[in-house]
Protein backbone atom coordinates (compact mmCIF):
# COMPACT_ATOMS: atom_id res chain seq x y z
CA MET A 1 0.00 0.00 0.00
CA ILE A 2 2.88 2.36 0.84
CA GLN A 3 6.19 2.19 -0.98
CA ALA A 4 8.76 4.76 0.03
CA GLU A 5 12.14 4.23 -1.61
CA HIS A 6 15.44 5.98 -0.76
CA ILE A 7 13.84 9.13 0.66
CA THR A 8 16.20 11.96 1.53
CA LYS A 9 15.21 15.27 3.11
CA THR A 10 17.45 18.05 4.38
CA PHE A 11 16.44 21.16 6.32
CA ASN A 12 19.09 23.91 6.44
CA GLY A 13 21.88 21.37 6.30
CA PHE A 14 20.26 18.92 8.75
CA MET A 15 19.59 15.46 7.33
CA ALA A 16 16.08 14.65 8.59
CA LEU A 17 15.61 11.58 6.36
CA ASP A 18 18.68 9.72 5.19
CA ASP A 19 18.14 7.37 2.22
CA MET A 20 15.15 5.96 4.07
CA SER A 21 12.87 3.23 2.72
CA LEU A 22 9.54 2.01 4.08
CA HIS A 23 7.15 -0.69 2.87
CA VAL A 24 3.64 -1.12 4.28
CA PRO A 25 1.77 -4.13 2.78
CA LYS A 26 -1.88 -3.70 1.90
CA GLY A 27 -4.28 -4.71 4.65
CA THR A 28 -1.69 -4.65 7.44
CA ILE A 29 -1.48 -2.63 10.65
CA TYR A 30 2.02 -1.16 10.72
CA GLY A 31 3.56 0.38 13.84
CA LEU A 32 6.23 3.05 13.34
CA VAL A 33 8.39 3.53 16.43
CA GLY A 34 11.53 5.48 17.25
CA PRO A 35 12.99 7.95 19.74
CA ASN A 36 12.24 11.66 19.67
CA GLY A 37 14.05 13.23 16.73
CA ALA A 38 14.24 10.00 14.74
CA GLY A 39 12.29 11.57 11.86
CA LYS A 40 8.88 9.92 12.31
CA SER A 41 6.82 13.11 11.93
CA THR A 42 8.92 14.24 8.96
CA LEU A 43 8.37 10.87 7.32
CA ILE A 44 4.61 11.05 7.89
CA ARG A 45 4.48 14.54 6.33
CA HIS A 46 6.11 13.02 3.26
CA LEU A 47 3.74 10.06 3.19
CA THR A 48 0.76 12.42 3.32
CA GLY A 49 2.12 14.64 0.55
CA ILE A 50 2.77 17.67 2.73
CA TYR A 51 6.52 17.62 2.07
CA ARG A 52 8.27 16.82 -1.19
CA PRO A 53 11.43 14.70 -0.76
CA ASP A 54 14.76 15.96 -2.00
CA SER A 55 15.22 12.56 -3.63
CA GLY A 56 13.46 9.22 -3.74
CA SER A 57 9.87 8.21 -4.47
CA ILE A 58 6.67 7.69 -2.45
CA LEU A 59 3.74 5.71 -3.84
CA ILE A 60 0.34 5.21 -2.23
CA ASP A 61 -1.34 2.22 -3.85
CA GLY A 62 0.93 2.70 -6.85
CA LEU A 63 0.31 6.45 -7.20
CA PRO A 64 2.80 9.25 -6.44
CA VAL A 65 1.42 11.12 -3.44
CA TYR A 66 2.86 14.62 -3.69
CA ASP A 67 0.47 17.09 -5.36
CA ASN A 68 -1.83 14.23 -6.40
CA PRO A 69 -5.50 14.48 -5.27
CA GLU A 70 -6.24 10.96 -6.54
CA ALA A 71 -3.66 9.45 -4.19
CA LYS A 72 -4.68 11.66 -1.26
CA ALA A 73 -8.33 10.66 -1.63
CA LYS A 74 -7.30 7.11 -0.71
CA PHE A 75 -6.23 7.94 2.86
CA THR A 76 -7.17 9.87 5.96
CA TYR A 77 -4.62 11.43 8.30
CA ILE A 78 -5.02 12.10 12.01
CA PRO A 79 -2.08 14.18 13.31
CA ASP A 80 -1.12 14.71 16.93
CA ASP A 81 -2.19 18.37 16.70
CA MET A 82 -5.66 18.53 15.23
CA PHE A 83 -6.78 21.09 12.65
CA TYR A 84 -10.33 22.17 11.92
CA PHE A 85 -11.75 25.19 10.15
CA LEU A 86 -12.42 28.09 12.50
CA GLN A 87 -15.94 28.03 13.97
CA SER A 88 -16.84 24.80 12.14
CA ASN A 89 -18.85 22.18 13.98
CA THR A 90 -18.90 18.42 13.50
CA LEU A 91 -21.79 18.46 11.03
CA GLU A 92 -20.05 21.11 8.91
CA MET A 93 -16.83 19.09 8.91
CA LYS A 94 -18.88 16.06 7.90
CA GLN A 95 -20.06 17.98 4.81
CA PHE A 96 -16.46 18.94 4.07
CA TYR A 97 -15.33 15.31 4.26
CA GLN A 98 -18.20 14.24 2.01
CA GLY A 99 -16.90 16.63 -0.63
CA ILE A 100 -13.44 15.01 -0.56
CA TYR A 101 -14.19 11.35 0.08
CA LYS A 102 -16.70 10.04 -2.41
CA LYS A 103 -17.22 6.84 -0.40
CA PHE A 104 -18.12 8.75 2.79
CA ASP A 105 -20.79 6.69 4.57
CA ALA A 106 -23.39 9.06 6.01
CA ALA A 107 -25.43 6.17 7.40
CA LEU A 108 -22.37 4.90 9.26
CA PHE A 109 -21.82 8.40 10.62
CA ASP A 110 -25.31 8.34 12.12
CA ARG A 111 -24.84 4.84 13.55
CA LEU A 112 -21.52 5.71 15.18
CA GLN A 113 -22.97 8.74 16.95
CA GLU A 114 -23.97 6.49 19.86
CA PHE A 115 -20.28 5.76 20.46
CA PHE A 116 -19.53 9.48 20.87
CA PRO A 117 -22.39 10.57 23.16
CA ASN A 118 -20.52 13.57 24.60
CA ILE A 119 -19.97 15.25 21.23
CA ASP A 120 -22.36 18.12 20.55
CA THR A 121 -22.34 18.01 16.75
CA LYS A 122 -23.61 21.60 16.48
CA ARG A 123 -20.99 23.08 18.78
CA SER A 124 -17.80 24.66 17.38
CA ILE A 125 -15.11 21.97 17.46
CA HIS A 126 -12.57 24.51 18.74
CA ARG A 127 -14.65 24.78 21.90
CA LEU A 128 -14.37 21.04 22.55
CA SER A 129 -11.59 19.51 24.65
CA LYS A 130 -8.55 18.02 22.92
CA GLY A 131 -9.87 14.54 23.64
CA MET A 132 -13.25 15.33 22.11
CA GLN A 133 -11.59 16.91 19.06
CA LYS A 134 -9.64 13.67 18.62
CA GLN A 135 -12.89 11.70 18.85
CA VAL A 136 -14.40 13.84 16.08
CA ALA A 137 -11.33 13.14 13.92
CA PHE A 138 -11.71 9.39 14.33
CA TRP A 139 -15.47 9.56 13.74
CA LEU A 140 -15.04 11.43 10.45
CA SER A 141 -12.01 9.42 9.37
CA ILE A 142 -13.70 6.05 9.83
CA CYS A 143 -16.81 7.19 7.94
CA ALA A 144 -14.67 8.38 5.02
CA MET A 145 -14.09 4.68 4.25
CA PRO A 146 -10.40 5.19 3.38
CA GLU A 147 -8.16 2.50 1.97
CA LEU A 148 -5.39 3.76 4.28
CA MET A 149 -5.40 5.48 7.68
CA ILE A 150 -2.27 7.32 8.82
CA LEU A 151 -2.28 8.00 12.55
CA ASP A 152 0.32 10.10 14.42
CA GLU A 153 0.15 9.57 18.21
CA PRO A 154 -3.55 8.84 17.70
CA MET A 155 -4.69 8.13 21.25
CA ASP A 156 -3.13 11.09 23.06
CA GLY A 157 -5.74 12.94 25.09
CA LEU A 158 -8.22 10.05 25.18
CA ASP A 159 -9.27 8.31 28.38
CA PRO A 160 -8.72 4.52 28.64
CA VAL A 161 -12.37 3.65 27.94
CA MET A 162 -12.50 5.78 24.78
CA ARG A 163 -9.11 4.46 23.62
CA ARG A 164 -10.40 0.92 23.85
CA GLN A 165 -13.65 1.82 22.12
CA ILE A 166 -11.94 3.57 19.20
CA TRP A 167 -9.45 0.74 18.73
CA SER A 168 -12.36 -1.68 18.65
CA ILE A 169 -14.10 0.33 15.91
CA ILE A 170 -10.91 0.80 13.86
CA LEU A 171 -9.89 -2.86 14.05
CA SER A 172 -13.40 -3.96 13.14
CA LYS A 173 -13.44 -1.71 10.06
CA ALA A 174 -9.91 -2.77 9.14
CA SER A 175 -10.96 -6.41 9.26
CA GLU A 176 -14.12 -5.83 7.23
CA SER A 177 -12.61 -3.57 4.58
CA ARG A 178 -8.92 -4.64 4.65
CA THR A 179 -8.02 -1.06 5.51
CA THR A 180 -4.28 -0.49 5.82
CA ILE A 181 -3.28 1.38 8.99
CA LEU A 182 0.04 3.11 9.73
CA ILE A 183 0.43 4.16 13.37
CA SER A 184 3.25 6.26 14.80
CA SER A 185 3.22 6.07 18.59
CA HIS A 186 5.40 6.02 21.69
CA ASN A 187 2.94 3.66 23.39
CA LEU A 188 4.70 0.43 22.50
CA ARG A 189 2.47 -1.69 24.70
CA GLU A 190 -0.57 -0.46 22.80
CA LEU A 191 1.06 -1.03 19.42
CA GLU A 192 1.95 -4.58 20.39
CA ASP A 193 -1.75 -5.34 20.89
CA VAL A 194 -2.83 -4.13 17.44
CA CYS A 195 0.11 -4.23 14.98
CA ASP A 196 1.25 -7.09 12.78
CA HIS A 197 4.23 -5.23 11.24
CA VAL A 198 6.76 -2.91 12.86
CA GLY A 199 9.34 -0.43 11.61
CA ILE A 200 11.98 0.91 14.00
CA MET A 201 13.31 4.32 12.98
CA HIS A 202 16.59 5.89 14.08
CA LYS A 203 18.44 8.96 12.80
CA GLY A 204 16.31 9.31 9.68
CA LYS A 205 16.42 5.64 8.67
CA ILE A 206 14.25 2.57 9.09
CA ILE A 207 16.78 0.20 10.68
CA VAL A 208 14.41 -2.73 11.23
CA GLU A 209 11.25 -3.57 9.29
CA ARG A 210 9.72 -6.94 10.10
CA SER A 211 6.50 -8.65 11.06
CA LEU A 212 5.93 -8.56 14.81
CA SER A 213 5.91 -12.36 14.97
CA ASP A 214 9.35 -12.48 13.32
CA LEU A 215 10.71 -9.88 15.72
CA GLN A 216 9.46 -11.77 18.74
CA GLY A 217 10.22 -15.25 17.45
CA ASN A 218 13.91 -14.83 16.74
CA VAL A 219 14.99 -13.51 20.14
CA SER A 220 14.09 -14.94 23.56
CA LYS A 221 14.19 -13.78 27.14
CA ILE A 222 15.05 -16.76 29.31
CA GLN A 223 14.98 -17.02 33.07
CA VAL A 224 16.97 -19.97 34.35
CA ALA A 225 18.33 -21.01 37.76
CA PHE A 226 21.32 -23.24 38.55
CA GLN A 227 22.48 -24.81 41.78
CA GLU A 228 26.10 -23.73 41.36
CA GLY A 229 26.22 -20.81 38.92
CA MET A 230 26.10 -20.55 35.15
CA PRO A 231 27.58 -23.65 33.45
CA THR A 232 29.66 -23.60 30.29
CA LEU A 233 27.45 -23.44 27.22
CA PRO A 234 28.22 -24.25 23.55
CA LYS A 235 30.07 -21.54 21.62
CA ASP A 236 27.20 -21.17 19.14
CA PHE A 237 24.74 -20.40 21.96
CA GLU A 238 24.54 -16.65 21.48
CA ILE A 239 23.86 -14.82 24.73
CA LEU A 240 23.37 -11.17 23.88
CA HIS A 241 22.78 -9.94 27.40
CA MET A 242 22.86 -11.56 30.83
CA SER A 243 22.04 -10.45 34.37
CA ASN A 244 21.43 -12.38 37.55
CA THR A 245 19.93 -12.13 41.00
CA GLY A 246 21.42 -14.87 43.12
CA ARG A 247 20.99 -18.18 41.33
CA VAL A 248 18.42 -16.84 38.85
CA TYR A 249 19.84 -15.64 35.53
CA THR A 250 17.97 -13.61 32.91
CA LEU A 251 19.35 -14.12 29.41
CA ILE A 252 18.62 -12.45 26.08
CA VAL A 253 19.36 -15.14 23.53
CA LYS A 254 19.50 -15.02 19.75
CA GLY A 255 17.96 -17.79 17.70
CA ASN A 256 15.12 -20.27 17.88
CA PRO A 257 13.56 -20.31 21.37
CA GLU A 258 12.96 -24.07 21.36
CA ARG A 259 16.58 -24.80 20.46
CA ALA A 260 17.74 -22.46 23.24
CA LYS A 261 15.50 -24.26 25.72
CA MET A 262 16.79 -27.68 24.64
CA ILE A 263 20.44 -26.61 25.09
CA LEU A 264 19.76 -25.17 28.54
CA GLU A 265 17.81 -28.23 29.64
CA GLU A 266 20.90 -30.37 28.94
CA THR A 267 22.67 -28.47 31.76
CA HIS A 268 20.00 -29.67 34.26
CA PRO A 269 18.81 -26.30 35.58
CA MET A 270 16.70 -25.99 38.72
CA LEU A 271 14.10 -24.13 36.68
CA ILE A 272 13.74 -22.63 33.22
CA ASP A 273 11.18 -20.24 31.78
CA ILE A 274 11.24 -18.84 28.23
CA LEU A 275 9.37 -15.68 27.29
CA PRO A 276 9.27 -13.74 23.99
CA LEU A 277 10.58 -10.23 24.11
CA THR A 278 7.87 -7.59 24.10
CA LEU A 279 7.98 -4.82 21.53
CA GLU A 280 8.96 -2.44 24.32
CA GLU A 281 11.92 -4.62 25.26
CA ILE A 282 13.02 -4.92 21.63
CA PHE A 283 12.93 -1.15 21.36
CA ILE A 284 14.86 -0.69 24.63
CA TYR A 285 17.60 -3.07 23.54
CA GLU A 286 17.88 -1.24 20.23
CA MET A 287 17.84 2.31 21.53
CA GLY A 288 18.92 1.89 25.16
CA GLY A 289 22.70 1.54 24.91
CA LYS A 290 22.92 -2.18 25.68
CA ASN A 291 26.10 -2.54 23.61
CA TYR A 292 24.32 -4.31 20.79
CA GLU A 293 21.68 -3.36 18.27
CA ILE A 294 18.50 -5.08 17.23
CA LYS A 295 19.79 -5.31 13.67
CA ASP A 296 22.66 -7.43 15.01
CA ILE A 297 20.14 -9.61 16.83
CA LEU A 298 17.76 -10.14 13.96
CA PHE A 299 19.91 -10.48 10.87
């Protein structure tokens, strides 16, 4: 659905995007993560056709996105900082969306109103709280029936109940319509619950782009206890990080989890427990100065 190839962007000598490539398959939910300053917002402004890259190409469903209304009509974009026309209310913004998105579902808009009971549709949106403005954005975006939704820190300002409700609606529509969703967020725990693909961004590049199952299935966190300390293990047993509290050791191990378990069981441990790394832990080991990088772990 999204093909960004070798994108470069410089601002006053600063390299914001550095020969960056991104690939979002159609029908997937793709989580874009990275530290502050990695270039995520700059990338999203390119994907939505706000910025033109210095070099490289960006295609949305095979169409160049910059200055192309046909490509832009395929997606909706919910930024962290919302924008609405001055003095417009929800019903007026609905009419505006209907003029842009030919598949806008007015009947769905009416049905979804029960999920947003606190929204006064005739009140100026600028007079609503940030959380309510975000709810309006989701309401309109879902009813536009886009092929692609691009979400930048989408749940900021929403209470836990509303977050869960909106995710439920989005995932339901994504399943029904095979809508592609790109989400940029710092809430890695939330992304782990909804995403099937992940891109980790650092210094203007995508350094890892894999399915979440691949990321979690090729590295293991193992807790193991021995009576008399850590035994000698085979040279090809790759321990990437190790810590211990008394007799209990926590290992980050590269490779197939079942093979790792089999090797450790041959040393007759007192106990052994194997857990997949969470997305948050993967991110921490990549960006947290642990003396190795996730690209070294995964490739």
